[in-house]
């Protein structure tokens, strides 16, 4: 469960901060 929760959270955060990606919602 730790891996399942943390991996997408870190990937999303890095996508937003490093790659400048965002989600229109």
PDBML (XML) file of the C-alpha atoms, coordinates in Angstrom:
<?xml version="1.0" encoding="UTF-8" ?>
<PDBx:datablock datablockName="MODEL"
   xmlns:PDBx="http://pdbml.pdb.org/schema/pdbx-v50.xsd"
   xmlns:xsi="http://www.w3.org/2001/XMLSchema-instance"
   xsi:schemaLocation="http://pdbml.pdb.org/schema/pdbx-v50.xsd pdbx-v50.xsd">
   <PDBx:atom_siteCategory>
      <PDBx:atom_site id="1">
         <PDBx:B_iso_or_equiv>0.00</PDBx:B_iso_or_equiv>
         <PDBx:Cartn_x>0.000</PDBx:Cartn_x>
         <PDBx:Cartn_y>0.000</PDBx:Cartn_y>
         <PDBx:Cartn_z>0.000</PDBx:Cartn_z>
         <PDBx:auth_asym_id>A</PDBx:auth_asym_id>
         <PDBx:auth_atom_id>CA</PDBx:auth_atom_id>
         <PDBx:auth_comp_id>UNK</PDBx:auth_comp_id>
         <PDBx:auth_seq_id>1</PDBx:auth_seq_id>
         <PDBx:group_PDB>ATOM</PDBx:group_PDB>
         <PDBx:label_alt_id xsi:nil="true" />
         <PDBx:label_asym_id>A</PDBx:label_asym_id>
         <PDBx:label_atom_id>CA</PDBx:label_atom_id>
         <PDBx:label_comp_id>UNK</PDBx:label_comp_id>
         <PDBx:label_entity_id>1</PDBx:label_entity_id>
         <PDBx:label_seq_id>1</PDBx:label_seq_id>
         <PDBx:occupancy>1.00</PDBx:occupancy>
         <PDBx:pdbx_PDB_model_num>1</PDBx:pdbx_PDB_model_num>
         <PDBx:type_symbol>C</PDBx:type_symbol>
      </PDBx:atom_site>
      <PDBx:atom_site id="2">
         <PDBx:B_iso_or_equiv>0.00</PDBx:B_iso_or_equiv>
         <PDBx:Cartn_x>2.814</PDBx:Cartn_x>
         <PDBx:Cartn_y>2.430</PDBx:Cartn_y>
         <PDBx:Cartn_z>0.717</PDBx:Cartn_z>
         <PDBx:auth_asym_id>A</PDBx:auth_asym_id>
         <PDBx:auth_atom_id>CA</PDBx:auth_atom_id>
         <PDBx:auth_comp_id>UNK</PDBx:auth_comp_id>
         <PDBx:auth_seq_id>2</PDBx:auth_seq_id>
         <PDBx:group_PDB>ATOM</PDBx:group_PDB>
         <PDBx:label_alt_id xsi:nil="true" />
         <PDBx:label_asym_id>A</PDBx:label_asym_id>
         <PDBx:label_atom_id>CA</PDBx:label_atom_id>
         <PDBx:label_comp_id>UNK</PDBx:label_comp_id>
         <PDBx:label_entity_id>1</PDBx:label_entity_id>
         <PDBx:label_seq_id>2</PDBx:label_seq_id>
         <PDBx:occupancy>1.00</PDBx:occupancy>
         <PDBx:pdbx_PDB_model_num>1</PDBx:pdbx_PDB_model_num>
         <PDBx:type_symbol>C</PDBx:type_symbol>
      </PDBx:atom_site>
      <PDBx:atom_site id="3">
         <PDBx:B_iso_or_equiv>0.00</PDBx:B_iso_or_equiv>
         <PDBx:Cartn_x>4.216</PDBx:Cartn_x>
         <PDBx:Cartn_y>1.990</PDBx:Cartn_y>
         <PDBx:Cartn_z>-2.777</PDBx:Cartn_z>
         <PDBx:auth_asym_id>A</PDBx:auth_asym_id>
         <PDBx:auth_atom_id>CA</PDBx:auth_atom_id>
         <PDBx:auth_comp_id>UNK</PDBx:auth_comp_id>
         <PDBx:auth_seq_id>3</PDBx:auth_seq_id>
         <PDBx:group_PDB>ATOM</PDBx:group_PDB>
         <PDBx:label_alt_id xsi:nil="true" />
         <PDBx:label_asym_id>A</PDBx:label_asym_id>
         <PDBx:label_atom_id>CA</PDBx:label_atom_id>
         <PDBx:label_comp_id>UNK</PDBx:label_comp_id>
         <PDBx:label_entity_id>1</PDBx:label_entity_id>
         <PDBx:label_seq_id>3</PDBx:label_seq_id>
         <PDBx:occupancy>1.00</PDBx:occupancy>
         <PDBx:pdbx_PDB_model_num>1</PDBx:pdbx_PDB_model_num>
         <PDBx:type_symbol>C</PDBx:type_symbol>
      </PDBx:atom_site>
      <PDBx:atom_site id="4">
         <PDBx:B_iso_or_equiv>0.00</PDBx:B_iso_or_equiv>
         <PDBx:Cartn_x>0.771</PDBx:Cartn_x>
         <PDBx:Cartn_y>2.067</PDBx:Cartn_y>
         <PDBx:Cartn_z>-4.360</PDBx:Cartn_z>
         <PDBx:auth_asym_id>A</PDBx:auth_asym_id>
         <PDBx:auth_atom_id>CA</PDBx:auth_atom_id>
         <PDBx:auth_comp_id>UNK</PDBx:auth_comp_id>
         <PDBx:auth_seq_id>4</PDBx:auth_seq_id>
         <PDBx:group_PDB>ATOM</PDBx:group_PDB>
         <PDBx:label_alt_id xsi:nil="true" />
         <PDBx:label_asym_id>A</PDBx:label_asym_id>
         <PDBx:label_atom_id>CA</PDBx:label_atom_id>
         <PDBx:label_comp_id>UNK</PDBx:label_comp_id>
         <PDBx:label_entity_id>1</PDBx:label_entity_id>
         <PDBx:label_seq_id>4</PDBx:label_seq_id>
         <PDBx:occupancy>1.00</PDBx:occupancy>
         <PDBx:pdbx_PDB_model_num>1</PDBx:pdbx_PDB_model_num>
         <PDBx:type_symbol>C</PDBx:type_symbol>
      </PDBx:atom_site>
      <PDBx:atom_site id="5">
         <PDBx:B_iso_or_equiv>0.00</PDBx:B_iso_or_equiv>
         <PDBx:Cartn_x>-0.073</PDBx:Cartn_x>
         <PDBx:Cartn_y>5.427</PDBx:Cartn_y>
         <PDBx:Cartn_z>-2.791</PDBx:Cartn_z>
         <PDBx:auth_asym_id>A</PDBx:auth_asym_id>
         <PDBx:auth_atom_id>CA</PDBx:auth_atom_id>
         <PDBx:auth_comp_id>UNK</PDBx:auth_comp_id>
         <PDBx:auth_seq_id>5</PDBx:auth_seq_id>
         <PDBx:group_PDB>ATOM</PDBx:group_PDB>
         <PDBx:label_alt_id xsi:nil="true" />
         <PDBx:label_asym_id>A</PDBx:label_asym_id>
         <PDBx:label_atom_id>CA</PDBx:label_atom_id>
         <PDBx:label_comp_id>UNK</PDBx:label_comp_id>
         <PDBx:label_entity_id>1</PDBx:label_entity_id>
         <PDBx:label_seq_id>5</PDBx:label_seq_id>
         <PDBx:occupancy>1.00</PDBx:occupancy>
         <PDBx:pdbx_PDB_model_num>1</PDBx:pdbx_PDB_model_num>
         <PDBx:type_symbol>C</PDBx:type_symbol>
      </PDBx:atom_site>
      <PDBx:atom_site id="6">
         <PDBx:B_iso_or_equiv>0.00</PDBx:B_iso_or_equiv>
         <PDBx:Cartn_x>3.289</PDBx:Cartn_x>
         <PDBx:Cartn_y>7.166</PDBx:Cartn_y>
         <PDBx:Cartn_z>-2.899</PDBx:Cartn_z>
         <PDBx:auth_asym_id>A</PDBx:auth_asym_id>
         <PDBx:auth_atom_id>CA</PDBx:auth_atom_id>
         <PDBx:auth_comp_id>UNK</PDBx:auth_comp_id>
         <PDBx:auth_seq_id>6</PDBx:auth_seq_id>
         <PDBx:group_PDB>ATOM</PDBx:group_PDB>
         <PDBx:label_alt_id xsi:nil="true" />
         <PDBx:label_asym_id>A</PDBx:label_asym_id>
         <PDBx:label_atom_id>CA</PDBx:label_atom_id>
         <PDBx:label_comp_id>UNK</PDBx:label_comp_id>
         <PDBx:label_entity_id>1</PDBx:label_entity_id>
         <PDBx:label_seq_id>6</PDBx:label_seq_id>
         <PDBx:occupancy>1.00</PDBx:occupancy>
         <PDBx:pdbx_PDB_model_num>1</PDBx:pdbx_PDB_model_num>
         <PDBx:type_symbol>C</PDBx:type_symbol>
      </PDBx:atom_site>
      <PDBx:atom_site id="7">
         <PDBx:B_iso_or_equiv>0.00</PDBx:B_iso_or_equiv>
         <PDBx:Cartn_x>4.402</PDBx:Cartn_x>
         <PDBx:Cartn_y>6.460</PDBx:Cartn_y>
         <PDBx:Cartn_z>-6.485</PDBx:Cartn_z>
         <PDBx:auth_asym_id>A</PDBx:auth_asym_id>
         <PDBx:auth_atom_id>CA</PDBx:auth_atom_id>
         <PDBx:auth_comp_id>UNK</PDBx:auth_comp_id>
         <PDBx:auth_seq_id>7</PDBx:auth_seq_id>
         <PDBx:group_PDB>ATOM</PDBx:group_PDB>
         <PDBx:label_alt_id xsi:nil="true" />
         <PDBx:label_asym_id>A</PDBx:label_asym_id>
         <PDBx:label_atom_id>CA</PDBx:label_atom_id>
         <PDBx:label_comp_id>UNK</PDBx:label_comp_id>
         <PDBx:label_entity_id>1</PDBx:label_entity_id>
         <PDBx:label_seq_id>7</PDBx:label_seq_id>
         <PDBx:occupancy>1.00</PDBx:occupancy>
         <PDBx:pdbx_PDB_model_num>1</PDBx:pdbx_PDB_model_num>
         <PDBx:type_symbol>C</PDBx:type_symbol>
      </PDBx:atom_site>
      <PDBx:atom_site id="8">
         <PDBx:B_iso_or_equiv>0.00</PDBx:B_iso_or_equiv>
         <PDBx:Cartn_x>1.584</PDBx:Cartn_x>
         <PDBx:Cartn_y>8.311</PDBx:Cartn_y>
         <PDBx:Cartn_z>-8.295</PDBx:Cartn_z>
         <PDBx:auth_asym_id>A</PDBx:auth_asym_id>
         <PDBx:auth_atom_id>CA</PDBx:auth_atom_id>
         <PDBx:auth_comp_id>UNK</PDBx:auth_comp_id>
         <PDBx:auth_seq_id>8</PDBx:auth_seq_id>
         <PDBx:group_PDB>ATOM</PDBx:group_PDB>
         <PDBx:label_alt_id xsi:nil="true" />
         <PDBx:label_asym_id>A</PDBx:label_asym_id>
         <PDBx:label_atom_id>CA</PDBx:label_atom_id>
         <PDBx:label_comp_id>UNK</PDBx:label_comp_id>
         <PDBx:label_entity_id>1</PDBx:label_entity_id>
         <PDBx:label_seq_id>8</PDBx:label_seq_id>
         <PDBx:occupancy>1.00</PDBx:occupancy>
         <PDBx:pdbx_PDB_model_num>1</PDBx:pdbx_PDB_model_num>
         <PDBx:type_symbol>C</PDBx:type_symbol>
      </PDBx:atom_site>
      <PDBx:atom_site id="9">
         <PDBx:B_iso_or_equiv>0.00</PDBx:B_iso_or_equiv>
         <PDBx:Cartn_x>1.706</PDBx:Cartn_x>
         <PDBx:Cartn_y>11.133</PDBx:Cartn_y>
         <PDBx:Cartn_z>-5.740</PDBx:Cartn_z>
         <PDBx:auth_asym_id>A</PDBx:auth_asym_id>
         <PDBx:auth_atom_id>CA</PDBx:auth_atom_id>
         <PDBx:auth_comp_id>UNK</PDBx:auth_comp_id>
         <PDBx:auth_seq_id>9</PDBx:auth_seq_id>
         <PDBx:group_PDB>ATOM</PDBx:group_PDB>
         <PDBx:label_alt_id xsi:nil="true" />
         <PDBx:label_asym_id>A</PDBx:label_asym_id>
         <PDBx:label_atom_id>CA</PDBx:label_atom_id>
         <PDBx:label_comp_id>UNK</PDBx:label_comp_id>
         <PDBx:label_entity_id>1</PDBx:label_entity_id>
         <PDBx:label_seq_id>9</PDBx:label_seq_id>
         <PDBx:occupancy>1.00</PDBx:occupancy>
         <PDBx:pdbx_PDB_model_num>1</PDBx:pdbx_PDB_model_num>
         <PDBx:type_symbol>C</PDBx:type_symbol>
      </PDBx:atom_site>
      <PDBx:atom_site id="10">
         <PDBx:B_iso_or_equiv>0.00</PDBx:B_iso_or_equiv>
         <PDBx:Cartn_x>5.415</PDBx:Cartn_x>
         <PDBx:Cartn_y>11.732</PDBx:Cartn_y>
         <PDBx:Cartn_z>-6.361</PDBx:Cartn_z>
         <PDBx:auth_asym_id>A</PDBx:auth_asym_id>
         <PDBx:auth_atom_id>CA</PDBx:auth_atom_id>
         <PDBx:auth_comp_id>UNK</PDBx:auth_comp_id>
         <PDBx:auth_seq_id>10</PDBx:auth_seq_id>
         <PDBx:group_PDB>ATOM</PDBx:group_PDB>
         <PDBx:label_alt_id xsi:nil="true" />
         <PDBx:label_asym_id>A</PDBx:label_asym_id>
         <PDBx:label_atom_id>CA</PDBx:label_atom_id>
         <PDBx:label_comp_id>UNK</PDBx:label_comp_id>
         <PDBx:label_entity_id>1</PDBx:label_entity_id>
         <PDBx:label_seq_id>10</PDBx:label_seq_id>
         <PDBx:occupancy>1.00</PDBx:occupancy>
         <PDBx:pdbx_PDB_model_num>1</PDBx:pdbx_PDB_model_num>
         <PDBx:type_symbol>C</PDBx:type_symbol>
      </PDBx:atom_site>
      <PDBx:atom_site id="11">
         <PDBx:B_iso_or_equiv>0.00</PDBx:B_iso_or_equiv>
         <PDBx:Cartn_x>5.029</PDBx:Cartn_x>
         <PDBx:Cartn_y>11.327</PDBx:Cartn_y>
         <PDBx:Cartn_z>-10.129</PDBx:Cartn_z>
         <PDBx:auth_asym_id>A</PDBx:auth_asym_id>
         <PDBx:auth_atom_id>CA</PDBx:auth_atom_id>
         <PDBx:auth_comp_id>UNK</PDBx:auth_comp_id>
         <PDBx:auth_seq_id>11</PDBx:auth_seq_id>
         <PDBx:group_PDB>ATOM</PDBx:group_PDB>
         <PDBx:label_alt_id xsi:nil="true" />
         <PDBx:label_asym_id>A</PDBx:label_asym_id>
         <PDBx:label_atom_id>CA</PDBx:label_atom_id>
         <PDBx:label_comp_id>UNK</PDBx:label_comp_id>
         <PDBx:label_entity_id>1</PDBx:label_entity_id>
         <PDBx:label_seq_id>11</PDBx:label_seq_id>
         <PDBx:occupancy>1.00</PDBx:occupancy>
         <PDBx:pdbx_PDB_model_num>1</PDBx:pdbx_PDB_model_num>
         <PDBx:type_symbol>C</PDBx:type_symbol>
      </PDBx:atom_site>
      <PDBx:atom_site id="12">
         <PDBx:B_iso_or_equiv>0.00</PDBx:B_iso_or_equiv>
         <PDBx:Cartn_x>2.146</PDBx:Cartn_x>
         <PDBx:Cartn_y>13.822</PDBx:Cartn_y>
         <PDBx:Cartn_z>-10.172</PDBx:Cartn_z>
         <PDBx:auth_asym_id>A</PDBx:auth_asym_id>
         <PDBx:auth_atom_id>CA</PDBx:auth_atom_id>
         <PDBx:auth_comp_id>UNK</PDBx:auth_comp_id>
         <PDBx:auth_seq_id>12</PDBx:auth_seq_id>
         <PDBx:group_PDB>ATOM</PDBx:group_PDB>
         <PDBx:label_alt_id xsi:nil="true" />
         <PDBx:label_asym_id>A</PDBx:label_asym_id>
         <PDBx:label_atom_id>CA</PDBx:label_atom_id>
         <PDBx:label_comp_id>UNK</PDBx:label_comp_id>
         <PDBx:label_entity_id>1</PDBx:label_entity_id>
         <PDBx:label_seq_id>12</PDBx:label_seq_id>
         <PDBx:occupancy>1.00</PDBx:occupancy>
         <PDBx:pdbx_PDB_model_num>1</PDBx:pdbx_PDB_model_num>
         <PDBx:type_symbol>C</PDBx:type_symbol>
      </PDBx:atom_site>
      <PDBx:atom_site id="13">
         <PDBx:B_iso_or_equiv>0.00</PDBx:B_iso_or_equiv>
         <PDBx:Cartn_x>4.000</PDBx:Cartn_x>
         <PDBx:Cartn_y>16.326</PDBx:Cartn_y>
         <PDBx:Cartn_z>-8.017</PDBx:Cartn_z>
         <PDBx:auth_asym_id>A</PDBx:auth_asym_id>
         <PDBx:auth_atom_id>CA</PDBx:auth_atom_id>
         <PDBx:auth_comp_id>UNK</PDBx:auth_comp_id>
         <PDBx:auth_seq_id>13</PDBx:auth_seq_id>
         <PDBx:group_PDB>ATOM</PDBx:group_PDB>
         <PDBx:label_alt_id xsi:nil="true" />
         <PDBx:label_asym_id>A</PDBx:label_asym_id>
         <PDBx:label_atom_id>CA</PDBx:label_atom_id>
         <PDBx:label_comp_id>UNK</PDBx:label_comp_id>
         <PDBx:label_entity_id>1</PDBx:label_entity_id>
         <PDBx:label_seq_id>13</PDBx:label_seq_id>
         <PDBx:occupancy>1.00</PDBx:occupancy>
         <PDBx:pdbx_PDB_model_num>1</PDBx:pdbx_PDB_model_num>
         <PDBx:type_symbol>C</PDBx:type_symbol>
      </PDBx:atom_site>
      <PDBx:atom_site id="14">
         <PDBx:B_iso_or_equiv>0.00</PDBx:B_iso_or_equiv>
         <PDBx:Cartn_x>7.135</PDBx:Cartn_x>
         <PDBx:Cartn_y>16.092</PDBx:Cartn_y>
         <PDBx:Cartn_z>-10.159</PDBx:Cartn_z>
         <PDBx:auth_asym_id>A</PDBx:auth_asym_id>
         <PDBx:auth_atom_id>CA</PDBx:auth_atom_id>
         <PDBx:auth_comp_id>UNK</PDBx:auth_comp_id>
         <PDBx:auth_seq_id>14</PDBx:auth_seq_id>
         <PDBx:group_PDB>ATOM</PDBx:group_PDB>
         <PDBx:label_alt_id xsi:nil="true" />
         <PDBx:label_asym_id>A</PDBx:label_asym_id>
         <PDBx:label_atom_id>CA</PDBx:label_atom_id>
         <PDBx:label_comp_id>UNK</PDBx:label_comp_id>
         <PDBx:label_entity_id>1</PDBx:label_entity_id>
         <PDBx:label_seq_id>14</PDBx:label_seq_id>
         <PDBx:occupancy>1.00</PDBx:occupancy>
         <PDBx:pdbx_PDB_model_num>1</PDBx:pdbx_PDB_model_num>
         <PDBx:type_symbol>C</PDBx:type_symbol>
      </PDBx:atom_site>
      <PDBx:atom_site id="15">
         <PDBx:B_iso_or_equiv>0.00</PDBx:B_iso_or_equiv>
         <PDBx:Cartn_x>5.051</PDBx:Cartn_x>
         <PDBx:Cartn_y>16.326</PDBx:Cartn_y>
         <PDBx:Cartn_z>-13.326</PDBx:Cartn_z>
         <PDBx:auth_asym_id>A</PDBx:auth_asym_id>
         <PDBx:auth_atom_id>CA</PDBx:auth_atom_id>
         <PDBx:auth_comp_id>UNK</PDBx:auth_comp_id>
         <PDBx:auth_seq_id>15</PDBx:auth_seq_id>
         <PDBx:group_PDB>ATOM</PDBx:group_PDB>
         <PDBx:label_alt_id xsi:nil="true" />
         <PDBx:label_asym_id>A</PDBx:label_asym_id>
         <PDBx:label_atom_id>CA</PDBx:label_atom_id>
         <PDBx:label_comp_id>UNK</PDBx:label_comp_id>
         <PDBx:label_entity_id>1</PDBx:label_entity_id>
         <PDBx:label_seq_id>15</PDBx:label_seq_id>
         <PDBx:occupancy>1.00</PDBx:occupancy>
         <PDBx:pdbx_PDB_model_num>1</PDBx:pdbx_PDB_model_num>
         <PDBx:type_symbol>C</PDBx:type_symbol>
      </PDBx:atom_site>
      <PDBx:atom_site id="16">
         <PDBx:B_iso_or_equiv>0.00</PDBx:B_iso_or_equiv>
         <PDBx:Cartn_x>3.510</PDBx:Cartn_x>
         <PDBx:Cartn_y>19.536</PDBx:Cartn_y>
         <PDBx:Cartn_z>-12.030</PDBx:Cartn_z>
         <PDBx:auth_asym_id>A</PDBx:auth_asym_id>
         <PDBx:auth_atom_id>CA</PDBx:auth_atom_id>
         <PDBx:auth_comp_id>UNK</PDBx:auth_comp_id>
         <PDBx:auth_seq_id>16</PDBx:auth_seq_id>
         <PDBx:group_PDB>ATOM</PDBx:group_PDB>
         <PDBx:label_alt_id xsi:nil="true" />
         <PDBx:label_asym_id>A</PDBx:label_asym_id>
         <PDBx:label_atom_id>CA</PDBx:label_atom_id>
         <PDBx:label_comp_id>UNK</PDBx:label_comp_id>
         <PDBx:label_entity_id>1</PDBx:label_entity_id>
         <PDBx:label_seq_id>16</PDBx:label_seq_id>
         <PDBx:occupancy>1.00</PDBx:occupancy>
         <PDBx:pdbx_PDB_model_num>1</PDBx:pdbx_PDB_model_num>
         <PDBx:type_symbol>C</PDBx:type_symbol>
      </PDBx:atom_site>
      <PDBx:atom_site id="17">
         <PDBx:B_iso_or_equiv>0.00</PDBx:B_iso_or_equiv>
         <PDBx:Cartn_x>6.682</PDBx:Cartn_x>
         <PDBx:Cartn_y>21.098</PDBx:Cartn_y>
         <PDBx:Cartn_z>-10.588</PDBx:Cartn_z>
         <PDBx:auth_asym_id>A</PDBx:auth_asym_id>
         <PDBx:auth_atom_id>CA</PDBx:auth_atom_id>
         <PDBx:auth_comp_id>UNK</PDBx:auth_comp_id>
         <PDBx:auth_seq_id>17</PDBx:auth_seq_id>
         <PDBx:group_PDB>ATOM</PDBx:group_PDB>
         <PDBx:label_alt_id xsi:nil="true" />
         <PDBx:label_asym_id>A</PDBx:label_asym_id>
         <PDBx:label_atom_id>CA</PDBx:label_atom_id>
         <PDBx:label_comp_id>UNK</PDBx:label_comp_id>
         <PDBx:label_entity_id>1</PDBx:label_entity_id>
         <PDBx:label_seq_id>17</PDBx:label_seq_id>
         <PDBx:occupancy>1.00</PDBx:occupancy>
         <PDBx:pdbx_PDB_model_num>1</PDBx:pdbx_PDB_model_num>
         <PDBx:type_symbol>C</PDBx:type_symbol>
      </PDBx:atom_site>
      <PDBx:atom_site id="18">
         <PDBx:B_iso_or_equiv>0.00</PDBx:B_iso_or_equiv>
         <PDBx:Cartn_x>9.399</PDBx:Cartn_x>
         <PDBx:Cartn_y>19.865</PDBx:Cartn_y>
         <PDBx:Cartn_z>-12.968</PDBx:Cartn_z>
         <PDBx:auth_asym_id>A</PDBx:auth_asym_id>
         <PDBx:auth_atom_id>CA</PDBx:auth_atom_id>
         <PDBx:auth_comp_id>UNK</PDBx:auth_comp_id>
         <PDBx:auth_seq_id>18</PDBx:auth_seq_id>
         <PDBx:group_PDB>ATOM</PDBx:group_PDB>
         <PDBx:label_alt_id xsi:nil="true" />
         <PDBx:label_asym_id>A</PDBx:label_asym_id>
         <PDBx:label_atom_id>CA</PDBx:label_atom_id>
         <PDBx:label_comp_id>UNK</PDBx:label_comp_id>
         <PDBx:label_entity_id>1</PDBx:label_entity_id>
         <PDBx:label_seq_id>18</PDBx:label_seq_id>
         <PDBx:occupancy>1.00</PDBx:occupancy>
         <PDBx:pdbx_PDB_model_num>1</PDBx:pdbx_PDB_model_num>
         <PDBx:type_symbol>C</PDBx:type_symbol>
      </PDBx:atom_site>
      <PDBx:atom_site id="19">
         <PDBx:B_iso_or_equiv>0.00</PDBx:B_iso_or_equiv>
         <PDBx:Cartn_x>7.559</PDBx:Cartn_x>
         <PDBx:Cartn_y>19.288</PDBx:Cartn_y>
         <PDBx:Cartn_z>-16.245</PDBx:Cartn_z>
         <PDBx:auth_asym_id>A</PDBx:auth_asym_id>
         <PDBx:auth_atom_id>CA</PDBx:auth_atom_id>
         <PDBx:auth_comp_id>UNK</PDBx:auth_comp_id>
         <PDBx:auth_seq_id>19</PDBx:auth_seq_id>
         <PDBx:group_PDB>ATOM</PDBx:group_PDB>
         <PDBx:label_alt_id xsi:nil="true" />
         <PDBx:label_asym_id>A</PDBx:label_asym_id>
         <PDBx:label_atom_id>CA</PDBx:label_atom_id>
         <PDBx:label_comp_id>UNK</PDBx:label_comp_id>
         <PDBx:label_entity_id>1</PDBx:label_entity_id>
         <PDBx:label_seq_id>19</PDBx:label_seq_id>
         <PDBx:occupancy>1.00</PDBx:occupancy>
         <PDBx:pdbx_PDB_model_num>1</PDBx:pdbx_PDB_model_num>
         <PDBx:type_symbol>C</PDBx:type_symbol>
      </PDBx:atom_site>
      <PDBx:atom_site id="20">
         <PDBx:B_iso_or_equiv>0.00</PDBx:B_iso_or_equiv>
         <PDBx:Cartn_x>4.964</PDBx:Cartn_x>
         <PDBx:Cartn_y>22.049</PDBx:Cartn_y>
         <PDBx:Cartn_z>-15.927</PDBx:Cartn_z>
         <PDBx:auth_asym_id>A</PDBx:auth_asym_id>
         <PDBx:auth_atom_id>CA</PDBx:auth_atom_id>
         <PDBx:auth_comp_id>UNK</PDBx:auth_comp_id>
         <PDBx:auth_seq_id>20</PDBx:auth_seq_id>
         <PDBx:group_PDB>ATOM</PDBx:group_PDB>
         <PDBx:label_alt_id xsi:nil="true" />
         <PDBx:label_asym_id>A</PDBx:label_asym_id>
         <PDBx:label_atom_id>CA</PDBx:label_atom_id>
         <PDBx:label_comp_id>UNK</PDBx:label_comp_id>
         <PDBx:label_entity_id>1</PDBx:label_entity_id>
         <PDBx:label_seq_id>20</PDBx:label_seq_id>
         <PDBx:occupancy>1.00</PDBx:occupancy>
         <PDBx:pdbx_PDB_model_num>1</PDBx:pdbx_PDB_model_num>
         <PDBx:type_symbol>C</PDBx:type_symbol>
      </PDBx:atom_site>
      <PDBx:atom_site id="21">
         <PDBx:B_iso_or_equiv>0.00</PDBx:B_iso_or_equiv>
         <PDBx:Cartn_x>2.048</PDBx:Cartn_x>
         <PDBx:Cartn_y>19.687</PDBx:Cartn_y>
         <PDBx:Cartn_z>-16.491</PDBx:Cartn_z>
         <PDBx:auth_asym_id>A</PDBx:auth_asym_id>
         <PDBx:auth_atom_id>CA</PDBx:auth_atom_id>
         <PDBx:auth_comp_id>UNK</PDBx:auth_comp_id>
         <PDBx:auth_seq_id>21</PDBx:auth_seq_id>
         <PDBx:group_PDB>ATOM</PDBx:group_PDB>
         <PDBx:label_alt_id xsi:nil="true" />
         <PDBx:label_asym_id>A</PDBx:label_asym_id>
         <PDBx:label_atom_id>CA</PDBx:label_atom_id>
         <PDBx:label_comp_id>UNK</PDBx:label_comp_id>
         <PDBx:label_entity_id>1</PDBx:label_entity_id>
         <PDBx:label_seq_id>21</PDBx:label_seq_id>
         <PDBx:occupancy>1.00</PDBx:occupancy>
         <PDBx:pdbx_PDB_model_num>1</PDBx:pdbx_PDB_model_num>
         <PDBx:type_symbol>C</PDBx:type_symbol>
      </PDBx:atom_site>
      <PDBx:atom_site id="22">
         <PDBx:B_iso_or_equiv>0.00</PDBx:B_iso_or_equiv>
         <PDBx:Cartn_x>-1.339</PDBx:Cartn_x>
         <PDBx:Cartn_y>20.482</PDBx:Cartn_y>
         <PDBx:Cartn_z>-15.050</PDBx:Cartn_z>
         <PDBx:auth_asym_id>A</PDBx:auth_asym_id>
         <PDBx:auth_atom_id>CA</PDBx:auth_atom_id>
         <PDBx:auth_comp_id>UNK</PDBx:auth_comp_id>
         <PDBx:auth_seq_id>22</PDBx:auth_seq_id>
         <PDBx:group_PDB>ATOM</PDBx:group_PDB>
         <PDBx:label_alt_id xsi:nil="true" />
         <PDBx:label_asym_id>A</PDBx:label_asym_id>
         <PDBx:label_atom_id>CA</PDBx:label_atom_id>
         <PDBx:label_comp_id>UNK</PDBx:label_comp_id>
         <PDBx:label_entity_id>1</PDBx:label_entity_id>
         <PDBx:label_seq_id>22</PDBx:label_seq_id>
         <PDBx:occupancy>1.00</PDBx:occupancy>
         <PDBx:pdbx_PDB_model_num>1</PDBx:pdbx_PDB_model_num>
         <PDBx:type_symbol>C</PDBx:type_symbol>
      </PDBx:atom_site>
      <PDBx:atom_site id="23">
         <PDBx:B_iso_or_equiv>0.00</PDBx:B_iso_or_equiv>
         <PDBx:Cartn_x>-4.887</PDBx:Cartn_x>
         <PDBx:Cartn_y>19.200</PDBx:Cartn_y>
         <PDBx:Cartn_z>-15.054</PDBx:Cartn_z>
         <PDBx:auth_asym_id>A</PDBx:auth_asym_id>
         <PDBx:auth_atom_id>CA</PDBx:auth_atom_id>
         <PDBx:auth_comp_id>UNK</PDBx:auth_comp_id>
         <PDBx:auth_seq_id>23</PDBx:auth_seq_id>
         <PDBx:group_PDB>ATOM</PDBx:group_PDB>
         <PDBx:label_alt_id xsi:nil="true" />
         <PDBx:label_asym_id>A</PDBx:label_asym_id>
         <PDBx:label_atom_id>CA</PDBx:label_atom_id>
         <PDBx:label_comp_id>UNK</PDBx:label_comp_id>
         <PDBx:label_entity_id>1</PDBx:label_entity_id>
         <PDBx:label_seq_id>23</PDBx:label_seq_id>
         <PDBx:occupancy>1.00</PDBx:occupancy>
         <PDBx:pdbx_PDB_model_num>1</PDBx:pdbx_PDB_model_num>
         <PDBx:type_symbol>C</PDBx:type_symbol>
      </PDBx:atom_site>
      <PDBx:atom_site id="24">
         <PDBx:B_iso_or_equiv>0.00</PDBx:B_iso_or_equiv>
         <PDBx:Cartn_x>-7.803</PDBx:Cartn_x>
         <PDBx:Cartn_y>21.356</PDBx:Cartn_y>
         <PDBx:Cartn_z>-16.120</PDBx:Cartn_z>
         <PDBx:auth_asym_id>A</PDBx:auth_asym_id>
         <PDBx:auth_atom_id>CA</PDBx:auth_atom_id>
         <PDBx:auth_comp_id>UNK</PDBx:auth_comp_id>
         <PDBx:auth_seq_id>24</PDBx:auth_seq_id>
         <PDBx:group_PDB>ATOM</PDBx:group_PDB>
         <PDBx:label_alt_id xsi:nil="true" />
         <PDBx:label_asym_id>A</PDBx:label_asym_id>
         <PDBx:label_atom_id>CA</PDBx:label_atom_id>
         <PDBx:label_comp_id>UNK</PDBx:label_comp_id>
         <PDBx:label_entity_id>1</PDBx:label_entity_id>
         <PDBx:label_seq_id>24</PDBx:label_seq_id>
         <PDBx:occupancy>1.00</PDBx:occupancy>
         <PDBx:pdbx_PDB_model_num>1</PDBx:pdbx_PDB_model_num>
         <PDBx:type_symbol>C</PDBx:type_symbol>
      </PDBx:atom_site>
      <PDBx:atom_site id="25">
         <PDBx:B_iso_or_equiv>0.00</PDBx:B_iso_or_equiv>
         <PDBx:Cartn_x>-10.595</PDBx:Cartn_x>
         <PDBx:Cartn_y>20.407</PDBx:Cartn_y>
         <PDBx:Cartn_z>-13.756</PDBx:Cartn_z>
         <PDBx:auth_asym_id>A</PDBx:auth_asym_id>
         <PDBx:auth_atom_id>CA</PDBx:auth_atom_id>
         <PDBx:auth_comp_id>UNK</PDBx:auth_comp_id>
         <PDBx:auth_seq_id>25</PDBx:auth_seq_id>
         <PDBx:group_PDB>ATOM</PDBx:group_PDB>
         <PDBx:label_alt_id xsi:nil="true" />
         <PDBx:label_asym_id>A</PDBx:label_asym_id>
         <PDBx:label_atom_id>CA</PDBx:label_atom_id>
         <PDBx:label_comp_id>UNK</PDBx:label_comp_id>
         <PDBx:label_entity_id>1</PDBx:label_entity_id>
         <PDBx:label_seq_id>25</PDBx:label_seq_id>
         <PDBx:occupancy>1.00</PDBx:occupancy>
         <PDBx:pdbx_PDB_model_num>1</PDBx:pdbx_PDB_model_num>
         <PDBx:type_symbol>C</PDBx:type_symbol>
      </PDBx:atom_site>
   </PDBx:atom_siteCategory>
</PDBx:datablock>
